[in-house]
């Protein structure tokens, strides 16, 4: 015959176990609800149309930009957009990226349901300025390039929400920025219609992480008032502490992310 104290002890133990099980179940449900909310909530939209930050012109470069040998009409774009305080024409022309004709994008490979797939996310909400010295192209400068991460979109709405809510956290970090620190291999003379290649070294900030990145750039001065180009770099998403959420449909995701900017720039104003 079971004693009363023993029965009470057993009931208390069962009660404790029930409470623990309930707490665990509540915790699991809460975690699941949070994950579902973080995936499916509607991300905030862009706060405003993107605008270029003024390029900080290096005055020492402006003062020392003596005319190059090739000052014929085939030289780097020149003319009406020169700074007003530069009647001699030695200063830069400020070009600005045209959003309607430009696109910032990322590409990352994955294996989706057993098949190779490349995810592409893109936006035209990219802004920046370029200070071009027509008489001394090697002294040209590039300002801060901004991309509104809230406007990035792929071909899948579920992926878009995961990208903005879980990976880039765009409600908190609206902009991705690239701040150039050096331009390498710019030529001394550039001809209209002739493409040139060079590198832009700078600091790329994604969410709250900044890392040095080198973009390979090909640029063509199509005319005196139009530049067309492509900038490309490869980074590792882990370097920016970007965690790719697990998905039952995705087998693997590549470590490398390709960043591209195809752009058109015309004189500001």
C-alpha atoms as a PDB file:
ATOM      1  CA  UNK A   1       0.000   0.000   0.000  1.00  0.00           C
ATOM      2  CA  UNK A   2       1.448   3.402  -1.064  1.00  0.00           C
ATOM      3  CA  UNK A   3       1.912   5.855   1.789  1.00  0.00           C
ATOM      4  CA  UNK A   4       0.334   9.325   1.661  1.00  0.00           C
ATOM      5  CA  UNK A   5       3.700  11.216   1.784  1.00  0.00           C
ATOM      6  CA  UNK A   6       5.002   9.142  -1.128  1.00  0.00           C
ATOM      7  CA  UNK A   7       1.866   9.889  -3.155  1.00  0.00           C
ATOM      8  CA  UNK A   8       2.133  13.614  -2.422  1.00  0.00           C
ATOM      9  CA  UNK A   9       5.796  13.602  -3.468  1.00  0.00           C
ATOM     10  CA  UNK A  10       4.941  11.891  -6.737  1.00  0.00           C
ATOM     11  CA  UNK A  11       2.150  14.375  -7.457  1.00  0.00           C
ATOM     12  CA  UNK A  12       4.457  17.294  -6.702  1.00  0.00           C
ATOM     13  CA  UNK A  13       7.090  15.856  -9.055  1.00  0.00           C
ATOM     14  CA  UNK A  14       4.512  15.419 -11.817  1.00  0.00           C
ATOM     15  CA  UNK A  15       3.301  18.955 -11.240  1.00  0.00           C
ATOM     16  CA  UNK A  16       6.860  20.311 -11.544  1.00  0.00           C
ATOM     17  CA  UNK A  17       7.426  18.306 -14.724  1.00  0.00           C
ATOM     18  CA  UNK A  18       4.157  19.612 -16.179  1.00  0.00           C
ATOM     19  CA  UNK A  19       5.181  23.182 -15.415  1.00  0.00           C
ATOM     20  CA  UNK A  20       8.590  22.664 -16.983  1.00  0.00           C
ATOM     21  CA  UNK A  21       6.996  21.085 -20.062  1.00  0.00           C
ATOM     22  CA  UNK A  22       4.550  23.985 -20.344  1.00  0.00           C
ATOM     23  CA  UNK A  23       7.374  26.531 -20.034  1.00  0.00           C
ATOM     24  CA  UNK A  24       9.380  24.728 -22.704  1.00  0.00           C
ATOM     25  CA  UNK A  25       6.349  24.583 -25.003  1.00  0.00           C
ATOM     26  CA  UNK A  26       5.659  28.291 -24.448  1.00  0.00           C
ATOM     27  CA  UNK A  27       9.304  29.127 -25.155  1.00  0.00           C
ATOM     28  CA  UNK A  28       9.241  27.089 -28.374  1.00  0.00           C
ATOM     29  CA  UNK A  29       5.998  28.729 -29.471  1.00  0.00           C
ATOM     30  CA  UNK A  30       7.363  32.177 -28.665  1.00  0.00           C
ATOM     31  CA  UNK A  31      10.569  31.483 -30.606  1.00  0.00           C
ATOM     32  CA  UNK A  32       8.568  30.162 -33.534  1.00  0.00           C
ATOM     33  CA  UNK A  33       6.285  33.175 -33.455  1.00  0.00           C
ATOM     34  CA  UNK A  34       9.289  35.522 -33.387  1.00  0.00           C
ATOM     35  CA  UNK A  35      10.942  33.730 -36.309  1.00  0.00           C
ATOM     36  CA  UNK A  36       7.697  33.790 -38.270  1.00  0.00           C
ATOM     37  CA  UNK A  37       7.263  37.488 -37.527  1.00  0.00           C
ATOM     38  CA  UNK A  38      10.843  38.286 -38.500  1.00  0.00           C
ATOM     39  CA  UNK A  39      10.375  36.481 -41.811  1.00  0.00           C
ATOM     40  CA  UNK A  40       6.880  37.573 -42.751  1.00  0.00           C
ATOM     41  CA  UNK A  41       6.556  41.116 -41.384  1.00  0.00           C
ATOM     42  CA  UNK A  42       6.411  43.839 -43.999  1.00  0.00           C
ATOM     43  CA  UNK A  43       9.771  45.658 -44.185  1.00  0.00           C
ATOM     44  CA  UNK A  44       9.781  49.430 -44.009  1.00  0.00           C
ATOM     45  CA  UNK A  45       9.877  51.244 -47.329  1.00  0.00           C
ATOM     46  CA  UNK A  46      12.505  53.761 -48.367  1.00  0.00           C
ATOM     47  CA  UNK A  47      12.319  56.869 -46.203  1.00  0.00           C
ATOM     48  CA  UNK A  48      12.783  59.160 -49.231  1.00  0.00           C
ATOM     49  CA  UNK A  49      14.150  59.103 -52.801  1.00  0.00           C
ATOM     50  CA  UNK A  50      17.907  58.683 -52.638  1.00  0.00           C
ATOM     51  CA  UNK A  51      20.130  61.705 -53.195  1.00  0.00           C
ATOM     52  CA  UNK A  52      23.854  61.911 -53.853  1.00  0.00           C
ATOM     53  CA  UNK A  53      26.192  63.156 -51.169  1.00  0.00           C
ATOM     54  CA  UNK A  54      28.380  65.963 -52.563  1.00  0.00           C
ATOM     55  CA  UNK A  55      31.804  64.697 -53.539  1.00  0.00           C
ATOM     56  CA  UNK A  56      34.550  66.213 -51.380  1.00  0.00           C
ATOM     57  CA  UNK A  57      36.865  67.698 -53.995  1.00  0.00           C
ATOM     58  CA  UNK A  58      40.544  67.567 -53.084  1.00  0.00           C
ATOM     59  CA  UNK A  59      41.609  71.183 -53.455  1.00  0.00           C
ATOM     60  CA  UNK A  60      45.265  70.240 -53.806  1.00  0.00           C
ATOM     61  CA  UNK A  61      44.318  68.149 -56.836  1.00  0.00           C
ATOM     62  CA  UNK A  62      42.290  71.028 -58.253  1.00  0.00           C
ATOM     63  CA  UNK A  63      45.124  73.507 -57.837  1.00  0.00           C
ATOM     64  CA  UNK A  64      47.695  71.210 -59.434  1.00  0.00           C
ATOM     65  CA  UNK A  65      45.619  69.961 -62.378  1.00  0.00           C
ATOM     66  CA  UNK A  66      47.692  71.437 -65.168  1.00  0.00           C
ATOM     67  CA  UNK A  67      46.420  70.790 -68.715  1.00  0.00           C
ATOM     68  CA  UNK A  68      47.397  67.461 -70.221  1.00  0.00           C
ATOM     69  CA  UNK A  69      49.042  67.211 -73.627  1.00  0.00           C
ATOM     70  CA  UNK A  70      45.814  65.987 -75.229  1.00  0.00           C
ATOM     71  CA  UNK A  71      43.426  68.928 -74.831  1.00  0.00           C
ATOM     72  CA  UNK A  72      41.631  68.346 -78.132  1.00  0.00           C
ATOM     73  CA  UNK A  73      37.834  67.746 -78.331  1.00  0.00           C
ATOM     74  CA  UNK A  74      38.476  64.017 -77.835  1.00  0.00           C
ATOM     75  CA  UNK A  75      39.744  64.529 -74.280  1.00  0.00           C
ATOM     76  CA  UNK A  76      37.761  63.665 -71.140  1.00  0.00           C
ATOM     77  CA  UNK A  77      34.310  65.364 -70.967  1.00  0.00           C
ATOM     78  CA  UNK A  78      34.579  69.107 -70.591  1.00  0.00           C
ATOM     79  CA  UNK A  79      32.500  72.219 -70.877  1.00  0.00           C
ATOM     80  CA  UNK A  80      29.426  73.719 -69.340  1.00  0.00           C
ATOM     81  CA  UNK A  81      29.404  71.945 -65.995  1.00  0.00           C
ATOM     82  CA  UNK A  82      32.707  73.363 -64.733  1.00  0.00           C
ATOM     83  CA  UNK A  83      32.596  74.900 -61.278  1.00  0.00           C
ATOM     84  CA  UNK A  84      31.645  78.587 -61.312  1.00  0.00           C
ATOM     85  CA  UNK A  85      34.717  79.559 -59.310  1.00  0.00           C
ATOM     86  CA  UNK A  86      37.012  78.053 -61.916  1.00  0.00           C
ATOM     87  CA  UNK A  87      37.015  80.366 -64.968  1.00  0.00           C
ATOM     88  CA  UNK A  88      40.316  78.932 -66.165  1.00  0.00           C
ATOM     89  CA  UNK A  89      38.727  75.519 -66.610  1.00  0.00           C
ATOM     90  CA  UNK A  90      41.265  73.698 -64.433  1.00  0.00           C
ATOM     91  CA  UNK A  91      38.746  72.422 -61.891  1.00  0.00           C
ATOM     92  CA  UNK A  92      36.509  69.374 -62.039  1.00  0.00           C
ATOM     93  CA  UNK A  93      33.180  68.693 -63.677  1.00  0.00           C
ATOM     94  CA  UNK A  94      30.832  67.149 -61.116  1.00  0.00           C
ATOM     95  CA  UNK A  95      29.021  64.177 -62.627  1.00  0.00           C
ATOM     96  CA  UNK A  96      26.123  62.480 -60.836  1.00  0.00           C
ATOM     97  CA  UNK A  97      24.723  58.965 -61.192  1.00  0.00           C
ATOM     98  CA  UNK A  98      21.394  58.820 -63.053  1.00  0.00           C
ATOM     99  CA  UNK A  99      19.123  56.449 -61.106  1.00  0.00           C
ATOM    100  CA  UNK A 100      16.786  55.745 -64.039  1.00  0.00           C
ATOM    101  CA  UNK A 101      19.679  54.384 -66.097  1.00  0.00           C
ATOM    102  CA  UNK A 102      21.737  52.750 -63.340  1.00  0.00           C
ATOM    103  CA  UNK A 103      21.475  49.613 -61.238  1.00  0.00           C
ATOM    104  CA  UNK A 104      23.191  48.263 -58.140  1.00  0.00           C
ATOM    105  CA  UNK A 105      22.935  44.517 -57.671  1.00  0.00           C
ATOM    106  CA  UNK A 106      24.299  41.484 -55.866  1.00  0.00           C
ATOM    107  CA  UNK A 107      24.656  37.932 -57.174  1.00  0.00           C
ATOM    108  CA  UNK A 108      25.060  34.821 -55.044  1.00  0.00           C
ATOM    109  CA  UNK A 109      25.006  31.172 -56.097  1.00  0.00           C
ATOM    110  CA  UNK A 110      22.932  28.525 -54.345  1.00  0.00           C
ATOM    111  CA  UNK A 111      21.703  24.985 -54.861  1.00  0.00           C
ATOM    112  CA  UNK A 112      17.899  25.146 -54.893  1.00  0.00           C
ATOM    113  CA  UNK A 113      16.058  21.818 -54.743  1.00  0.00           C
ATOM    114  CA  UNK A 114      19.138  20.101 -56.154  1.00  0.00           C
ATOM    115  CA  UNK A 115      19.682  22.540 -59.025  1.00  0.00           C
ATOM    116  CA  UNK A 116      22.233  25.326 -59.389  1.00  0.00           C
ATOM    117  CA  UNK A 117      20.689  28.766 -59.118  1.00  0.00           C
ATOM    118  CA  UNK A 118      21.991  32.333 -59.016  1.00  0.00           C
ATOM    119  CA  UNK A 119      20.073  34.771 -56.859  1.00  0.00           C
ATOM    120  CA  UNK A 120      20.121  38.350 -58.137  1.00  0.00           C
ATOM    121  CA  UNK A 121      18.962  41.287 -56.052  1.00  0.00           C
ATOM    122  CA  UNK A 122      18.860  44.738 -57.609  1.00  0.00           C
ATOM    123  CA  UNK A 123      17.731  48.340 -57.229  1.00  0.00           C
ATOM    124  CA  UNK A 124      17.989  51.609 -59.117  1.00  0.00           C
ATOM    125  CA  UNK A 125      18.141  53.526 -55.829  1.00  0.00           C
ATOM    126  CA  UNK A 126      21.860  54.228 -56.011  1.00  0.00           C
ATOM    127  CA  UNK A 127      23.485  57.651 -55.772  1.00  0.00           C
ATOM    128  CA  UNK A 128      26.931  59.193 -55.980  1.00  0.00           C
ATOM    129  CA  UNK A 129      29.067  61.856 -57.605  1.00  0.00           C
ATOM    130  CA  UNK A 130      32.270  61.825 -59.649  1.00  0.00           C
ATOM    131  CA  UNK A 131      34.630  64.794 -59.905  1.00  0.00           C
ATOM    132  CA  UNK A 132      36.216  64.614 -63.368  1.00  0.00           C
ATOM    133  CA  UNK A 133      39.255  66.708 -64.310  1.00  0.00           C
ATOM    134  CA  UNK A 134      39.051  66.974 -68.108  1.00  0.00           C
ATOM    135  CA  UNK A 135      42.612  68.260 -68.455  1.00  0.00           C
ATOM    136  CA  UNK A 136      44.071  65.779 -65.954  1.00  0.00           C
ATOM    137  CA  UNK A 137      41.861  62.659 -65.742  1.00  0.00           C
ATOM    138  CA  UNK A 138      44.244  60.870 -63.365  1.00  0.00           C
ATOM    139  CA  UNK A 139      43.268  63.390 -60.668  1.00  0.00           C
ATOM    140  CA  UNK A 140      39.547  62.561 -60.868  1.00  0.00           C
ATOM    141  CA  UNK A 141      37.756  61.588 -57.686  1.00  0.00           C
ATOM    142  CA  UNK A 142      34.744  59.481 -56.704  1.00  0.00           C
ATOM    143  CA  UNK A 143      32.429  60.441 -53.867  1.00  0.00           C
ATOM    144  CA  UNK A 144      30.514  58.232 -51.451  1.00  0.00           C
ATOM    145  CA  UNK A 145      28.267  55.735 -53.232  1.00  0.00           C
ATOM    146  CA  UNK A 146      24.992  54.950 -51.464  1.00  0.00           C
ATOM    147  CA  UNK A 147      22.482  52.169 -52.124  1.00  0.00           C
ATOM    148  CA  UNK A 148      19.095  52.087 -50.420  1.00  0.00           C
ATOM    149  CA  UNK A 149      18.955  48.507 -49.126  1.00  0.00           C
ATOM    150  CA  UNK A 150      15.208  48.773 -48.464  1.00  0.00           C
ATOM    151  CA  UNK A 151      14.596  48.849 -52.214  1.00  0.00           C
ATOM    152  CA  UNK A 152      16.633  45.736 -53.114  1.00  0.00           C
ATOM    153  CA  UNK A 153      14.455  43.049 -54.677  1.00  0.00           C
ATOM    154  CA  UNK A 154      14.910  39.520 -56.035  1.00  0.00           C
ATOM    155  CA  UNK A 155      12.438  37.367 -57.969  1.00  0.00           C
ATOM    156  CA  UNK A 156      10.873  35.940 -54.793  1.00  0.00           C
ATOM    157  CA  UNK A 157       8.833  37.828 -52.189  1.00  0.00           C
ATOM    158  CA  UNK A 158       9.649  35.395 -49.376  1.00  0.00           C
ATOM    159  CA  UNK A 159      13.352  35.807 -50.123  1.00  0.00           C
ATOM    160  CA  UNK A 160      12.911  39.584 -50.228  1.00  0.00           C
ATOM    161  CA  UNK A 161      11.454  39.611 -46.722  1.00  0.00           C
ATOM    162  CA  UNK A 162      14.196  37.349 -45.398  1.00  0.00           C
ATOM    163  CA  UNK A 163      16.811  39.552 -47.086  1.00  0.00           C
ATOM    164  CA  UNK A 164      15.486  42.749 -45.544  1.00  0.00           C
ATOM    165  CA  UNK A 165      14.255  41.487 -42.173  1.00  0.00           C
ATOM    166  CA  UNK A 166      16.864  38.877 -41.269  1.00  0.00           C
ATOM    167  CA  UNK A 167      20.005  39.468 -43.339  1.00  0.00           C
ATOM    168  CA  UNK A 168      20.376  43.199 -44.007  1.00  0.00           C
ATOM    169  CA  UNK A 169      18.018  44.381 -41.226  1.00  0.00           C
ATOM    170  CA  UNK A 170      16.940  47.273 -43.390  1.00  0.00           C
ATOM    171  CA  UNK A 171      14.507  48.709 -40.836  1.00  0.00           C
ATOM    172  CA  UNK A 172      17.587  49.572 -38.790  1.00  0.00           C
ATOM    173  CA  UNK A 173      20.191  50.019 -41.532  1.00  0.00           C
ATOM    174  CA  UNK A 174      18.592  51.655 -44.553  1.00  0.00           C
ATOM    175  CA  UNK A 175      21.728  52.351 -46.597  1.00  0.00           C
ATOM    176  CA  UNK A 176      24.716  50.393 -47.844  1.00  0.00           C
ATOM    177  CA  UNK A 177      27.639  52.772 -48.419  1.00  0.00           C
ATOM    178  CA  UNK A 178      30.961  52.627 -50.202  1.00  0.00           C
ATOM    179  CA  UNK A 179      33.470  55.329 -49.296  1.00  0.00           C
ATOM    180  CA  UNK A 180      36.388  55.468 -51.763  1.00  0.00           C
ATOM    181  CA  UNK A 181      39.851  56.017 -50.308  1.00  0.00           C
ATOM    182  CA  UNK A 182      42.034  55.555 -53.411  1.00  0.00           C
ATOM    183  CA  UNK A 183      41.750  55.292 -57.186  1.00  0.00           C
ATOM    184  CA  UNK A 184      44.404  53.223 -58.917  1.00  0.00           C
ATOM    185  CA  UNK A 185      45.604  53.215 -62.524  1.00  0.00           C
ATOM    186  CA  UNK A 186      43.671  56.178 -63.866  1.00  0.00           C
ATOM    187  CA  UNK A 187      45.302  57.297 -67.146  1.00  0.00           C
ATOM    188  CA  UNK A 188      46.672  60.786 -67.752  1.00  0.00           C
ATOM    189  CA  UNK A 189      44.740  61.185 -71.007  1.00  0.00           C
ATOM    190  CA  UNK A 190      41.306  59.802 -71.924  1.00  0.00           C
ATOM    191  CA  UNK A 191      39.591  59.907 -75.333  1.00  0.00           C
ATOM    192  CA  UNK A 192      35.866  60.169 -75.983  1.00  0.00           C
ATOM    193  CA  UNK A 193      34.458  56.757 -76.815  1.00  0.00           C
ATOM    194  CA  UNK A 194      37.513  54.859 -75.544  1.00  0.00           C
ATOM    195  CA  UNK A 195      36.903  52.655 -72.454  1.00  0.00           C
ATOM    196  CA  UNK A 196      39.355  52.754 -69.562  1.00  0.00           C
ATOM    197  CA  UNK A 197      39.882  50.332 -66.669  1.00  0.00           C
ATOM    198  CA  UNK A 198      40.966  51.152 -63.141  1.00  0.00           C
ATOM    199  CA  UNK A 199      40.415  50.185 -59.499  1.00  0.00           C
ATOM    200  CA  UNK A 200      38.622  51.977 -56.688  1.00  0.00           C
ATOM    201  CA  UNK A 201      39.723  51.069 -53.168  1.00  0.00           C
ATOM    202  CA  UNK A 202      37.409  51.964 -50.329  1.00  0.00           C
ATOM    203  CA  UNK A 203      35.397  51.049 -47.252  1.00  0.00           C
ATOM    204  CA  UNK A 204      32.147  49.147 -47.743  1.00  0.00           C
ATOM    205  CA  UNK A 205      29.614  49.362 -44.915  1.00  0.00           C
ATOM    206  CA  UNK A 206      26.804  46.814 -44.731  1.00  0.00           C
ATOM    207  CA  UNK A 207      24.585  47.007 -41.626  1.00  0.00           C
ATOM    208  CA  UNK A 208      27.065  48.033 -38.902  1.00  0.00           C
ATOM    209  CA  UNK A 209      30.147  46.316 -40.348  1.00  0.00           C
ATOM    210  CA  UNK A 210      32.774  48.062 -42.482  1.00  0.00           C
ATOM    211  CA  UNK A 211      35.411  46.226 -44.511  1.00  0.00           C
ATOM    212  CA  UNK A 212      37.928  47.307 -47.185  1.00  0.00           C
ATOM    213  CA  UNK A 213      36.888  46.364 -50.725  1.00  0.00           C
ATOM    214  CA  UNK A 214      38.401  46.877 -54.179  1.00  0.00           C
ATOM    215  CA  UNK A 215      36.093  47.462 -57.155  1.00  0.00           C
ATOM    216  CA  UNK A 216      37.287  46.781 -60.691  1.00  0.00           C
ATOM    217  CA  UNK A 217      35.864  49.516 -62.911  1.00  0.00           C
ATOM    218  CA  UNK A 218      35.433  49.878 -66.645  1.00  0.00           C
ATOM    219  CA  UNK A 219      34.296  53.326 -67.743  1.00  0.00           C
ATOM    220  CA  UNK A 220      33.578  54.882 -71.127  1.00  0.00           C
ATOM    221  CA  UNK A 221      33.237  58.637 -71.682  1.00  0.00           C
ATOM    222  CA  UNK A 222      30.490  58.342 -74.304  1.00  0.00           C
ATOM    223  CA  UNK A 223      30.423  62.095 -74.794  1.00  0.00           C
ATOM    224  CA  UNK A 224      31.419  65.275 -73.027  1.00  0.00           C
ATOM    225  CA  UNK A 225      28.325  64.983 -70.868  1.00  0.00           C
ATOM    226  CA  UNK A 226      27.789  61.246 -70.424  1.00  0.00           C
ATOM    227  CA  UNK A 227      29.791  58.541 -68.655  1.00  0.00           C
ATOM    228  CA  UNK A 228      28.840  54.863 -68.735  1.00  0.00           C
ATOM    229  CA  UNK A 229      30.500  52.198 -66.641  1.00  0.00           C
ATOM    230  CA  UNK A 230      30.509  48.993 -64.641  1.00  0.00           C
ATOM    231  CA  UNK A 231      32.071  48.439 -61.212  1.00  0.00           C
ATOM    232  CA  UNK A 232      32.490  44.921 -59.816  1.00  0.00           C
ATOM    233  CA  UNK A 233      33.797  43.370 -56.610  1.00  0.00           C
ATOM    234  CA  UNK A 234      33.579  40.017 -54.834  1.00  0.00           C
ATOM    235  CA  UNK A 235      33.132  39.782 -51.067  1.00  0.00           C
ATOM    236  CA  UNK A 236      32.314  37.059 -48.546  1.00  0.00           C
ATOM    237  CA  UNK A 237      29.025  37.537 -46.724  1.00  0.00           C
ATOM    238  CA  UNK A 238      30.593  36.137 -43.543  1.00  0.00           C
ATOM    239  CA  UNK A 239      33.077  39.033 -43.523  1.00  0.00           C
ATOM    240  CA  UNK A 240      30.118  41.351 -42.924  1.00  0.00           C
ATOM    241  CA  UNK A 241      28.522  39.068 -40.317  1.00  0.00           C
ATOM    242  CA  UNK A 242      25.613  38.376 -42.646  1.00  0.00           C
ATOM    243  CA  UNK A 243      23.913  35.112 -41.686  1.00  0.00           C
ATOM    244  CA  UNK A 244      21.900  33.396 -44.417  1.00  0.00           C
ATOM    245  CA  UNK A 245      18.771  31.825 -42.841  1.00  0.00           C
ATOM    246  CA  UNK A 246      18.290  28.091 -43.352  1.00  0.00           C
ATOM    247  CA  UNK A 247      15.608  27.033 -45.796  1.00  0.00           C
ATOM    248  CA  UNK A 248      14.417  23.466 -46.436  1.00  0.00           C
ATOM    249  CA  UNK A 249      14.419  24.189 -50.182  1.00  0.00           C
ATOM    250  CA  UNK A 250      18.000  25.481 -50.299  1.00  0.00           C
ATOM    251  CA  UNK A 251      20.745  22.862 -50.065  1.00  0.00           C
ATOM    252  CA  UNK A 252      23.786  25.163 -50.006  1.00  0.00           C
ATOM    253  CA  UNK A 253      24.645  28.837 -50.411  1.00  0.00           C
ATOM    254  CA  UNK A 254      27.990  30.067 -51.747  1.00  0.00           C
ATOM    255  CA  UNK A 255      30.363  32.015 -49.513  1.00  0.00           C
ATOM    256  CA  UNK A 256      31.076  34.651 -52.171  1.00  0.00           C
ATOM    257  CA  UNK A 257      28.788  37.503 -53.149  1.00  0.00           C
ATOM    258  CA  UNK A 258      29.382  39.467 -56.352  1.00  0.00           C
ATOM    259  CA  UNK A 259      28.591  43.175 -56.144  1.00  0.00           C
ATOM    260  CA  UNK A 260      27.957  45.120 -59.347  1.00  0.00           C
ATOM    261  CA  UNK A 261      27.099  48.680 -60.226  1.00  0.00           C
ATOM    262  CA  UNK A 262      26.196  49.488 -63.810  1.00  0.00           C
ATOM    263  CA  UNK A 263      25.902  53.232 -64.034  1.00  0.00           C
ATOM    264  CA  UNK A 264      25.323  56.263 -66.174  1.00  0.00           C
ATOM    265  CA  UNK A 265      26.507  59.652 -64.941  1.00  0.00           C
ATOM    266  CA  UNK A 266      25.862  63.125 -66.324  1.00  0.00           C
ATOM    267  CA  UNK A 267      26.841  66.599 -65.116  1.00  0.00           C
ATOM    268  CA  UNK A 268      25.041  67.484 -61.880  1.00  0.00           C
ATOM    269  CA  UNK A 269      22.331  70.070 -62.084  1.00  0.00           C
END
